[in-house]
Amino acid sequence: MTVSVRDRVLDIIAQQAVLEVSDIDPEMPLQDLGLDSLGLVEAVFALEEAFDIEIPFNANEPENSSFDISSVNAVIKAVETLVAARTA
């Protein structure tokens, strides 16, 4: 069985936030999950490693990043876009 990008992203975010996947509402902002700036950076690194992608994210200026971290769904969509570009 192939795991979808969405499921893998949810799993990684849940691990970093020390939550169960079932506790995550995809509409939630990441900060509502209890992810601090270090947790966010660790999540970005885990996503890069899991999907063999490079995420354009600046932890010092996340609001100026082209990688949307406004919600869990935004992260899922951004990762799906990067994965699709890598495989194109």
Protein backbone atom coordinates (compact mmCIF):
# COMPACT_ATOMS: atom_id res chain seq x y z
CA MET A 1 0.00 0.00 0.00
CA THR A 2 1.33 3.42 -0.96
CA VAL A 3 1.15 6.14 1.65
CA SER A 4 -0.06 9.46 0.26
CA VAL A 5 1.88 12.69 0.60
CA ARG A 6 -0.94 14.00 2.79
CA ASP A 7 -0.72 11.04 5.18
CA ARG A 8 3.07 11.27 5.43
CA VAL A 9 2.96 15.03 6.08
CA LEU A 10 0.32 14.52 8.78
CA ASP A 11 2.42 11.79 10.37
CA ILE A 12 5.55 13.96 10.40
CA ILE A 13 3.72 16.95 11.84
CA ALA A 14 2.09 14.75 14.49
CA GLN A 15 5.48 13.32 15.47
CA GLN A 16 7.04 16.77 15.77
CA ALA A 17 4.08 18.08 17.79
CA VAL A 18 4.00 14.91 19.93
CA LEU A 19 0.37 14.29 19.00
CA GLU A 20 -1.66 11.54 17.42
CA VAL A 21 -2.58 12.11 13.77
CA SER A 22 -6.23 11.88 14.81
CA ASP A 23 -5.71 14.93 17.06
CA ILE A 24 -4.79 17.12 14.09
CA ASP A 25 -7.38 19.15 12.24
CA PRO A 26 -5.90 19.99 8.81
CA GLU A 27 -7.33 23.51 9.08
CA MET A 28 -5.31 24.19 12.25
CA PRO A 29 -2.44 26.67 12.20
CA LEU A 30 0.83 24.96 13.13
CA GLN A 31 1.26 27.10 16.24
CA ASP A 32 -2.05 25.71 17.56
CA LEU A 33 -0.39 22.29 17.57
CA GLY A 34 2.18 23.48 20.06
CA LEU A 35 5.02 23.64 17.56
CA ASP A 36 7.52 26.28 18.59
CA SER A 37 10.12 27.68 16.20
CA LEU A 38 12.52 24.79 16.86
CA GLY A 39 9.74 22.25 16.33
CA LEU A 40 8.82 23.96 13.09
CA VAL A 41 12.41 23.80 11.84
CA GLU A 42 12.63 20.13 12.81
CA ALA A 43 9.37 19.47 10.95
CA VAL A 44 10.75 21.21 7.85
CA PHE A 45 13.94 19.11 8.00
CA ALA A 46 11.89 15.92 8.47
CA LEU A 47 9.70 16.80 5.48
CA GLU A 48 12.75 17.51 3.32
CA GLU A 49 14.28 14.18 4.26
CA ALA A 50 11.07 12.17 3.86
CA PHE A 51 10.27 13.54 0.40
CA ASP A 52 13.79 14.27 -0.89
CA ILE A 53 12.84 17.90 -1.51
CA GLU A 54 14.28 21.29 -0.65
CA ILE A 55 11.83 23.53 1.16
CA PRO A 56 12.29 27.28 0.62
CA PHE A 57 11.86 28.22 4.27
CA ASN A 58 13.74 30.78 6.32
CA ALA A 59 13.25 30.08 10.02
CA ASN A 60 14.46 33.58 10.88
CA GLU A 61 11.78 35.17 8.69
CA PRO A 62 8.98 32.59 8.23
CA GLU A 63 6.54 35.30 7.18
CA ASN A 64 8.79 36.09 4.19
CA SER A 65 9.08 32.47 3.11
CA SER A 66 7.56 31.22 -0.12
CA PHE A 67 6.64 28.03 1.76
CA ASP A 68 3.15 28.49 3.24
CA ILE A 69 2.99 27.39 6.88
CA SER A 70 -0.32 29.09 7.69
CA SER A 71 -2.08 25.76 8.35
CA VAL A 72 -1.55 22.02 8.19
CA ASN A 73 -3.42 21.94 4.87
CA ALA A 74 -1.18 24.70 3.49
CA VAL A 75 1.89 22.64 4.36
CA ILE A 76 0.37 19.55 2.73
CA LYS A 77 -0.38 21.47 -0.47
CA ALA A 78 3.08 23.07 -0.53
CA VAL A 79 4.79 19.70 -0.10
CA GLU A 80 2.59 18.15 -2.79
CA THR A 81 3.65 20.96 -5.16
CA LEU A 82 7.34 20.45 -4.39
CA VAL A 83 7.06 16.67 -4.80
CA ALA A 84 5.25 17.08 -8.12
CA ALA A 85 7.93 19.49 -9.37
CA ARG A 86 10.68 17.07 -8.35
CA THR A 87 9.10 14.18 -10.23
CA ALA A 88 8.21 16.22 -13.33
